[in-house]
Amino acid sequence: MRRLDQLLANLGYCSRREAREWIKAGRVTVRGAVADDFGAKVDPADVRMDGEPPDHPAGLLLLLHKPVGLVCSHDEREGPNVYSLLPPRWRARNPPVTSIGRLDKETSGLLLLTDQSELVHRLTSPKHKVPKVYRATVSADLAPALVPLFAGGTLLLKDEPAPCAPAELKIITPRTAELTLTEGRYHQVRRMFASQGAEVLTLHRTRFGHLELGDLAAGQWRELPLSEFSTAG
């Protein structure tokens, strides 16, 4: 049960003050009756705004194809962000929609967005070892010796106190590779290749846990059930 004016505000429809105006104007019903108490505790399933049910009252989980050029930050000083791709109402939700982990500005591909903080914590915690798959093109030919090096769990990056966890490297062409990580250090893929003399030129994430990007177009998203990671991933 949730307070009526807070429900409307948390779901991004309006501010709590504006919600009270909506209720006074008769725009909100509870179980078919026009609401008259903005402080009433209600079941979101019983509420209608202008005849429509609440938008994702239990929470949002989205799979987005992040384009190059957008950041995963709410700070507008860092430039255009991935949240600008979402409907205004979703951008106004409280708790806010945020990314599960980050892709840097020049990296494209699969990005999960949610307003569920527990899910963010669970899927970014190193102890859960959620695999993430990246496709990279690099500036120099990749030696076959990199495969056991990355898999060995001994690669120590600059200014890091512990070596990288074992990672699976598949060399597709001399300068194209697929890398599977189970951790998410700062710019990790780029730094791993750079440590071996290969600058990453393009980077694209194709998979997160059991989810794949597929043919989803850049800038587009699809909705996922909140139960998506209840037993998988």
C-alpha atoms as a PDB file:
ATOM      1  CA  MET A   1       0.000   0.000   0.000  1.00  0.00           C
ATOM      2  CA  ARG A   2       1.314   3.444  -0.903  1.00  0.00           C
ATOM      3  CA  ARG A   3       0.208   6.989  -0.227  1.00  0.00           C
ATOM      4  CA  LEU A   4      -1.726   8.243  -3.261  1.00  0.00           C
ATOM      5  CA  ASP A   5       0.056  11.551  -3.878  1.00  0.00           C
ATOM      6  CA  GLN A   6       3.434   9.921  -3.304  1.00  0.00           C
ATOM      7  CA  LEU A   7       2.580   7.138  -5.763  1.00  0.00           C
ATOM      8  CA  LEU A   8       1.906   9.617  -8.564  1.00  0.00           C
ATOM      9  CA  ALA A   9       5.067  11.580  -7.783  1.00  0.00           C
ATOM     10  CA  ASN A  10       7.334   8.524  -7.480  1.00  0.00           C
ATOM     11  CA  LEU A  11       6.119   7.177 -10.822  1.00  0.00           C
ATOM     12  CA  GLY A  12       7.048  10.445 -12.531  1.00  0.00           C
ATOM     13  CA  TYR A  13       3.581  11.756 -13.332  1.00  0.00           C
ATOM     14  CA  CYS A  14       3.970  15.010 -11.429  1.00  0.00           C
ATOM     15  CA  SER A  15       5.216  16.486  -8.170  1.00  0.00           C
ATOM     16  CA  ARG A  16       3.417  15.654  -4.929  1.00  0.00           C
ATOM     17  CA  ARG A  17       1.933  19.159  -4.934  1.00  0.00           C
ATOM     18  CA  GLU A  18       0.724  18.701  -8.506  1.00  0.00           C
ATOM     19  CA  ALA A  19      -0.661  15.273  -7.578  1.00  0.00           C
ATOM     20  CA  ARG A  20      -2.985  16.936  -5.097  1.00  0.00           C
ATOM     21  CA  GLU A  21      -4.229  19.206  -7.877  1.00  0.00           C
ATOM     22  CA  TRP A  22      -4.845  16.161 -10.069  1.00  0.00           C
ATOM     23  CA  ILE A  23      -6.892  14.600  -7.282  1.00  0.00           C
ATOM     24  CA  LYS A  24      -8.882  17.797  -6.677  1.00  0.00           C
ATOM     25  CA  ALA A  25      -9.611  17.957 -10.401  1.00  0.00           C
ATOM     26  CA  GLY A  26     -11.089  14.447 -10.342  1.00  0.00           C
ATOM     27  CA  ARG A  27      -8.421  12.961 -12.612  1.00  0.00           C
ATOM     28  CA  VAL A  28      -7.612  10.102 -10.231  1.00  0.00           C
ATOM     29  CA  THR A  29      -9.864   7.185  -9.304  1.00  0.00           C
ATOM     30  CA  VAL A  30      -9.438   4.348  -6.812  1.00  0.00           C
ATOM     31  CA  ARG A  31     -11.478   1.206  -7.459  1.00  0.00           C
ATOM     32  CA  GLY A  32     -13.588   3.162  -9.912  1.00  0.00           C
ATOM     33  CA  ALA A  33     -14.475   5.965  -7.517  1.00  0.00           C
ATOM     34  CA  VAL A  34     -13.085   9.491  -7.840  1.00  0.00           C
ATOM     35  CA  ALA A  35     -10.354   9.931  -5.250  1.00  0.00           C
ATOM     36  CA  ASP A  36     -10.813  12.696  -2.685  1.00  0.00           C
ATOM     37  CA  ASP A  37      -8.005  11.974  -0.201  1.00  0.00           C
ATOM     38  CA  PHE A  38      -4.462  12.547  -1.472  1.00  0.00           C
ATOM     39  CA  GLY A  39      -3.040  10.938   1.687  1.00  0.00           C
ATOM     40  CA  ALA A  40      -5.002   7.680   1.359  1.00  0.00           C
ATOM     41  CA  LYS A  41      -3.027   4.449   1.321  1.00  0.00           C
ATOM     42  CA  VAL A  42      -3.821   2.622  -1.906  1.00  0.00           C
ATOM     43  CA  ASP A  43      -2.916  -0.477  -3.873  1.00  0.00           C
ATOM     44  CA  PRO A  44      -1.426   0.747  -7.190  1.00  0.00           C
ATOM     45  CA  ALA A  45      -3.490  -1.883  -9.014  1.00  0.00           C
ATOM     46  CA  ASP A  46      -6.678  -0.061  -7.901  1.00  0.00           C
ATOM     47  CA  VAL A  47      -5.576   3.367  -9.153  1.00  0.00           C
ATOM     48  CA  ARG A  48      -6.290   5.028 -12.490  1.00  0.00           C
ATOM     49  CA  MET A  49      -5.015   8.385 -13.737  1.00  0.00           C
ATOM     50  CA  ASP A  50      -7.192   9.829 -16.502  1.00  0.00           C
ATOM     51  CA  GLY A  51      -8.568   6.320 -16.845  1.00  0.00           C
ATOM     52  CA  GLU A  52      -5.156   4.702 -17.305  1.00  0.00           C
ATOM     53  CA  PRO A  53      -3.415   2.321 -14.830  1.00  0.00           C
ATOM     54  CA  PRO A  54      -0.102   3.334 -13.224  1.00  0.00           C
ATOM     55  CA  ASP A  55       2.991   2.991 -15.384  1.00  0.00           C
ATOM     56  CA  HIS A  56       5.164   0.119 -14.076  1.00  0.00           C
ATOM     57  CA  PRO A  57       4.292   0.622 -10.383  1.00  0.00           C
ATOM     58  CA  ALA A  58       6.510  -2.296  -9.282  1.00  0.00           C
ATOM     59  CA  GLY A  59       9.589  -0.930 -11.049  1.00  0.00           C
ATOM     60  CA  LEU A  60      11.377  -0.753 -14.392  1.00  0.00           C
ATOM     61  CA  LEU A  61      13.987  -3.005 -15.989  1.00  0.00           C
ATOM     62  CA  LEU A  62      15.136  -2.122 -19.499  1.00  0.00           C
ATOM     63  CA  LEU A  63      17.641  -3.558 -21.951  1.00  0.00           C
ATOM     64  CA  LEU A  64      19.060  -0.673 -23.979  1.00  0.00           C
ATOM     65  CA  HIS A  65      21.325  -0.650 -27.022  1.00  0.00           C
ATOM     66  CA  LYS A  66      23.615   2.200 -25.975  1.00  0.00           C
ATOM     67  CA  PRO A  67      24.985   4.248 -28.869  1.00  0.00           C
ATOM     68  CA  VAL A  68      28.485   5.693 -28.932  1.00  0.00           C
ATOM     69  CA  GLY A  69      28.565   9.305 -27.717  1.00  0.00           C
ATOM     70  CA  LEU A  70      26.312   9.028 -24.662  1.00  0.00           C
ATOM     71  CA  VAL A  71      27.430   8.774 -21.037  1.00  0.00           C
ATOM     72  CA  CYS A  72      25.892   6.705 -18.230  1.00  0.00           C
ATOM     73  CA  SER A  73      25.706   9.622 -15.820  1.00  0.00           C
ATOM     74  CA  HIS A  74      22.884  11.820 -14.569  1.00  0.00           C
ATOM     75  CA  ASP A  75      25.322  14.742 -14.336  1.00  0.00           C
ATOM     76  CA  GLU A  76      24.490  16.971 -17.315  1.00  0.00           C
ATOM     77  CA  ARG A  77      27.966  18.510 -17.125  1.00  0.00           C
ATOM     78  CA  GLU A  78      29.355  15.229 -18.520  1.00  0.00           C
ATOM     79  CA  GLY A  79      27.387  15.613 -21.738  1.00  0.00           C
ATOM     80  CA  PRO A  80      24.429  13.870 -23.398  1.00  0.00           C
ATOM     81  CA  ASN A  81      23.384  10.768 -21.460  1.00  0.00           C
ATOM     82  CA  VAL A  82      21.565   7.495 -22.062  1.00  0.00           C
ATOM     83  CA  TYR A  83      18.595   8.633 -19.970  1.00  0.00           C
ATOM     84  CA  SER A  84      17.728  11.220 -22.630  1.00  0.00           C
ATOM     85  CA  LEU A  85      16.556   8.271 -24.762  1.00  0.00           C
ATOM     86  CA  LEU A  86      13.781   7.417 -22.287  1.00  0.00           C
ATOM     87  CA  PRO A  87      10.278   8.897 -22.002  1.00  0.00           C
ATOM     88  CA  PRO A  88      10.114  11.984 -19.738  1.00  0.00           C
ATOM     89  CA  ARG A  89       7.949  10.179 -17.184  1.00  0.00           C
ATOM     90  CA  TRP A  90      10.545   7.456 -16.691  1.00  0.00           C
ATOM     91  CA  ARG A  91      13.251  10.087 -16.270  1.00  0.00           C
ATOM     92  CA  ALA A  92      11.204  11.675 -13.465  1.00  0.00           C
ATOM     93  CA  ARG A  93      10.761   8.503 -11.411  1.00  0.00           C
ATOM     94  CA  ASN A  94      11.903   8.326  -7.791  1.00  0.00           C
ATOM     95  CA  PRO A  95      14.029   6.303  -7.105  1.00  0.00           C
ATOM     96  CA  PRO A  96      15.594   7.347 -10.422  1.00  0.00           C
ATOM     97  CA  VAL A  97      16.269   4.991 -13.290  1.00  0.00           C
ATOM     98  CA  THR A  98      19.996   4.245 -13.363  1.00  0.00           C
ATOM     99  CA  SER A  99      22.356   1.963 -15.262  1.00  0.00           C
ATOM    100  CA  ILE A 100      23.499  -1.402 -13.910  1.00  0.00           C
ATOM    101  CA  GLY A 101      27.209  -0.799 -14.278  1.00  0.00           C
ATOM    102  CA  ARG A 102      28.448   1.608 -16.918  1.00  0.00           C
ATOM    103  CA  LEU A 103      29.698   1.729 -20.488  1.00  0.00           C
ATOM    104  CA  ASP A 104      32.009   4.633 -21.271  1.00  0.00           C
ATOM    105  CA  LYS A 105      31.115   7.301 -23.814  1.00  0.00           C
ATOM    106  CA  GLU A 106      32.921   5.578 -26.692  1.00  0.00           C
ATOM    107  CA  THR A 107      31.547   2.095 -25.965  1.00  0.00           C
ATOM    108  CA  SER A 108      28.291   0.849 -27.452  1.00  0.00           C
ATOM    109  CA  GLY A 109      26.077  -2.133 -26.795  1.00  0.00           C
ATOM    110  CA  LEU A 110      23.980  -3.812 -24.154  1.00  0.00           C
ATOM    111  CA  LEU A 111      23.180  -1.709 -21.102  1.00  0.00           C
ATOM    112  CA  LEU A 112      20.623  -2.518 -18.406  1.00  0.00           C
ATOM    113  CA  LEU A 113      18.630   0.271 -16.761  1.00  0.00           C
ATOM    114  CA  THR A 114      16.467  -0.015 -13.654  1.00  0.00           C
ATOM    115  CA  ASP A 115      15.037   1.895 -10.696  1.00  0.00           C
ATOM    116  CA  GLN A 116      15.589  -1.112  -8.405  1.00  0.00           C
ATOM    117  CA  SER A 117      18.665  -0.469  -6.249  1.00  0.00           C
ATOM    118  CA  GLU A 118      18.808  -4.059  -4.979  1.00  0.00           C
ATOM    119  CA  LEU A 119      19.085  -5.306  -8.550  1.00  0.00           C
ATOM    120  CA  VAL A 120      21.874  -2.820  -9.316  1.00  0.00           C
ATOM    121  CA  HIS A 121      23.822  -4.019  -6.289  1.00  0.00           C
ATOM    122  CA  ARG A 122      23.283  -7.691  -7.030  1.00  0.00           C
ATOM    123  CA  LEU A 123      24.312  -7.538 -10.679  1.00  0.00           C
ATOM    124  CA  THR A 124      27.373  -5.348 -10.113  1.00  0.00           C
ATOM    125  CA  SER A 125      28.696  -7.193  -7.051  1.00  0.00           C
ATOM    126  CA  PRO A 126      31.936  -9.034  -7.919  1.00  0.00           C
ATOM    127  CA  LYS A 127      30.865 -12.050  -5.862  1.00  0.00           C
ATOM    128  CA  HIS A 128      28.066 -12.861  -8.309  1.00  0.00           C
ATOM    129  CA  LYS A 129      30.488 -13.117 -11.265  1.00  0.00           C
ATOM    130  CA  VAL A 130      27.949 -12.090 -13.903  1.00  0.00           C
ATOM    131  CA  PRO A 131      29.621 -12.649 -17.313  1.00  0.00           C
ATOM    132  CA  LYS A 132      29.745  -9.737 -19.759  1.00  0.00           C
ATOM    133  CA  VAL A 133      30.865 -10.192 -23.364  1.00  0.00           C
ATOM    134  CA  TYR A 134      32.600  -7.472 -25.398  1.00  0.00           C
ATOM    135  CA  ARG A 135      33.629  -7.297 -29.069  1.00  0.00           C
ATOM    136  CA  ALA A 136      36.764  -5.188 -29.595  1.00  0.00           C
ATOM    137  CA  THR A 137      38.815  -4.045 -32.533  1.00  0.00           C
ATOM    138  CA  VAL A 138      42.381  -3.061 -31.680  1.00  0.00           C
ATOM    139  CA  SER A 139      45.332  -1.221 -33.190  1.00  0.00           C
ATOM    140  CA  ALA A 140      47.833  -4.106 -33.267  1.00  0.00           C
ATOM    141  CA  ASP A 141      47.801  -7.812 -34.063  1.00  0.00           C
ATOM    142  CA  LEU A 142      46.861  -9.953 -31.078  1.00  0.00           C
ATOM    143  CA  ALA A 143      49.319 -12.678 -30.180  1.00  0.00           C
ATOM    144  CA  PRO A 144      47.854 -16.122 -29.352  1.00  0.00           C
ATOM    145  CA  ALA A 145      49.767 -15.925 -26.045  1.00  0.00           C
ATOM    146  CA  LEU A 146      47.185 -13.377 -24.841  1.00  0.00           C
ATOM    147  CA  VAL A 147      44.565 -16.120 -24.519  1.00  0.00           C
ATOM    148  CA  PRO A 148      46.281 -17.958 -21.630  1.00  0.00           C
ATOM    149  CA  LEU A 149      47.553 -14.657 -20.185  1.00  0.00           C
ATOM    150  CA  PHE A 150      44.025 -13.238 -19.830  1.00  0.00           C
ATOM    151  CA  ALA A 151      42.693 -16.600 -18.612  1.00  0.00           C
ATOM    152  CA  GLY A 152      45.360 -17.056 -15.969  1.00  0.00           C
ATOM    153  CA  GLY A 153      44.132 -14.529 -13.434  1.00  0.00           C
ATOM    154  CA  THR A 154      47.609 -13.018 -13.094  1.00  0.00           C
ATOM    155  CA  LEU A 155      47.359  -9.908 -15.280  1.00  0.00           C
ATOM    156  CA  LEU A 156      48.044  -6.900 -13.048  1.00  0.00           C
ATOM    157  CA  LEU A 157      46.933  -3.516 -14.393  1.00  0.00           C
ATOM    158  CA  LYS A 158      48.663  -0.261 -13.501  1.00  0.00           C
ATOM    159  CA  ASP A 159      47.666   1.157 -10.105  1.00  0.00           C
ATOM    160  CA  GLU A 160      45.585  -1.943  -9.290  1.00  0.00           C
ATOM    161  CA  PRO A 161      46.305  -3.833  -6.038  1.00  0.00           C
ATOM    162  CA  ALA A 162      45.055  -7.205  -7.317  1.00  0.00           C
ATOM    163  CA  PRO A 163      45.284  -8.966 -10.675  1.00  0.00           C
ATOM    164  CA  CYS A 164      42.307  -9.239 -12.995  1.00  0.00           C
ATOM    165  CA  ALA A 165      40.002 -12.200 -12.558  1.00  0.00           C
ATOM    166  CA  PRO A 166      40.356 -14.879 -15.250  1.00  0.00           C
ATOM    167  CA  ALA A 167      38.857 -13.686 -18.537  1.00  0.00           C
ATOM    168  CA  GLU A 168      38.073 -15.616 -21.716  1.00  0.00           C
ATOM    169  CA  LEU A 169      39.626 -14.173 -24.866  1.00  0.00           C
ATOM    170  CA  LYS A 170      38.658 -15.349 -28.344  1.00  0.00           C
ATOM    171  CA  ILE A 171      40.766 -13.954 -31.179  1.00  0.00           C
ATOM    172  CA  ILE A 172      38.463 -13.683 -34.196  1.00  0.00           C
ATOM    173  CA  THR A 173      40.834 -11.939 -36.614  1.00  0.00           C
ATOM    174  CA  PRO A 174      44.341 -10.619 -35.919  1.00  0.00           C
ATOM    175  CA  ARG A 175      42.836  -7.331 -34.696  1.00  0.00           C
ATOM    176  CA  THR A 176      39.337  -8.345 -33.604  1.00  0.00           C
ATOM    177  CA  ALA A 177      38.534 -10.224 -30.432  1.00  0.00           C
ATOM    178  CA  GLU A 178      35.747 -11.186 -28.064  1.00  0.00           C
ATOM    179  CA  LEU A 179      36.444 -10.859 -24.350  1.00  0.00           C
ATOM    180  CA  THR A 180      34.289 -12.250 -21.528  1.00  0.00           C
ATOM    181  CA  LEU A 181      34.709 -10.653 -18.083  1.00  0.00           C
ATOM    182  CA  THR A 182      33.132 -11.434 -14.727  1.00  0.00           C
ATOM    183  CA  GLU A 183      34.178  -8.157 -13.080  1.00  0.00           C
ATOM    184  CA  GLY A 184      33.802  -4.518 -13.994  1.00  0.00           C
ATOM    185  CA  ARG A 185      36.859  -2.425 -13.241  1.00  0.00           C
ATOM    186  CA  TYR A 186      37.285   1.079 -14.605  1.00  0.00           C
ATOM    187  CA  HIS A 187      37.869   0.907 -18.389  1.00  0.00           C
ATOM    188  CA  GLN A 188      38.942  -2.699 -17.844  1.00  0.00           C
ATOM    189  CA  VAL A 189      38.757  -4.009 -21.411  1.00  0.00           C
ATOM    190  CA  ARG A 190      40.668  -1.036 -22.794  1.00  0.00           C
ATOM    191  CA  ARG A 191      43.308  -1.267 -20.059  1.00  0.00           C
ATOM    192  CA  MET A 192      43.804  -5.010 -20.464  1.00  0.00           C
ATOM    193  CA  PHE A 193      44.538  -4.693 -24.165  1.00  0.00           C
ATOM    194  CA  ALA A 194      46.596  -1.522 -23.653  1.00  0.00           C
ATOM    195  CA  SER A 195      48.814  -3.374 -21.177  1.00  0.00           C
ATOM    196  CA  GLN A 196      49.792  -5.618 -24.075  1.00  0.00           C
ATOM    197  CA  GLY A 197      50.427  -2.810 -26.550  1.00  0.00           C
ATOM    198  CA  ALA A 198      47.056  -2.816 -28.319  1.00  0.00           C
ATOM    199  CA  GLU A 199      44.814   0.253 -28.224  1.00  0.00           C
ATOM    200  CA  VAL A 200      41.094  -0.483 -28.374  1.00  0.00           C
ATOM    201  CA  LEU A 201      39.620   1.325 -31.381  1.00  0.00           C
ATOM    202  CA  THR A 202      36.012   0.188 -31.060  1.00  0.00           C
ATOM    203  CA  LEU A 203      34.259  -1.582 -28.194  1.00  0.00           C
ATOM    204  CA  HIS A 204      30.787  -3.088 -28.142  1.00  0.00           C
ATOM    205  CA  ARG A 205      29.063  -5.157 -25.445  1.00  0.00           C
ATOM    206  CA  THR A 206      26.943  -7.953 -26.878  1.00  0.00           C
ATOM    207  CA  ARG A 207      25.897  -9.825 -23.747  1.00  0.00           C
ATOM    208  CA  PHE A 208      25.169  -9.310 -20.041  1.00  0.00           C
ATOM    209  CA  GLY A 209      24.598 -12.490 -18.064  1.00  0.00           C
ATOM    210  CA  HIS A 210      22.149 -14.597 -20.062  1.00  0.00           C
ATOM    211  CA  LEU A 211      20.835 -11.592 -22.013  1.00  0.00           C
ATOM    212  CA  GLU A 212      21.958 -10.849 -25.560  1.00  0.00           C
ATOM    213  CA  LEU A 213      21.597  -7.635 -27.538  1.00  0.00           C
ATOM    214  CA  GLY A 214      20.427  -9.403 -30.687  1.00  0.00           C
ATOM    215  CA  ASP A 215      19.218  -7.129 -33.491  1.00  0.00           C
ATOM    216  CA  LEU A 216      18.007  -4.313 -31.239  1.00  0.00           C
ATOM    217  CA  ALA A 217      18.826  -1.035 -32.998  1.00  0.00           C
ATOM    218  CA  ALA A 218      21.127   1.547 -31.428  1.00  0.00           C
ATOM    219  CA  GLY A 219      19.187   3.917 -29.184  1.00  0.00           C
ATOM    220  CA  GLN A 220      16.303   1.495 -28.752  1.00  0.00           C
ATOM    221  CA  TRP A 221      15.310  -0.526 -25.697  1.00  0.00           C
ATOM    222  CA  ARG A 222      13.042  -3.368 -24.725  1.00  0.00           C
ATOM    223  CA  GLU A 223      11.320  -3.894 -21.408  1.00  0.00           C
ATOM    224  CA  LEU A 224      12.203  -6.908 -19.245  1.00  0.00           C
ATOM    225  CA  PRO A 225      10.258  -8.412 -16.354  1.00  0.00           C
ATOM    226  CA  LEU A 226      11.728  -7.635 -12.940  1.00  0.00           C
ATOM    227  CA  SER A 227      11.904 -11.401 -12.423  1.00  0.00           C
ATOM    228  CA  GLU A 228      14.434 -11.698 -15.292  1.00  0.00           C
ATOM    229  CA  PHE A 229      17.328 -12.184 -12.852  1.00  0.00           C
ATOM    230  CA  SER A 230      15.468 -14.008 -10.098  1.00  0.00           C
ATOM    231  CA  THR A 231      17.049 -17.362 -10.985  1.00  0.00           C
ATOM    232  CA  ALA A 232      19.186 -16.630 -14.062  1.00  0.00           C
ATOM    233  CA  GLY A 233      22.276 -14.534 -14.749  1.00  0.00           C
END
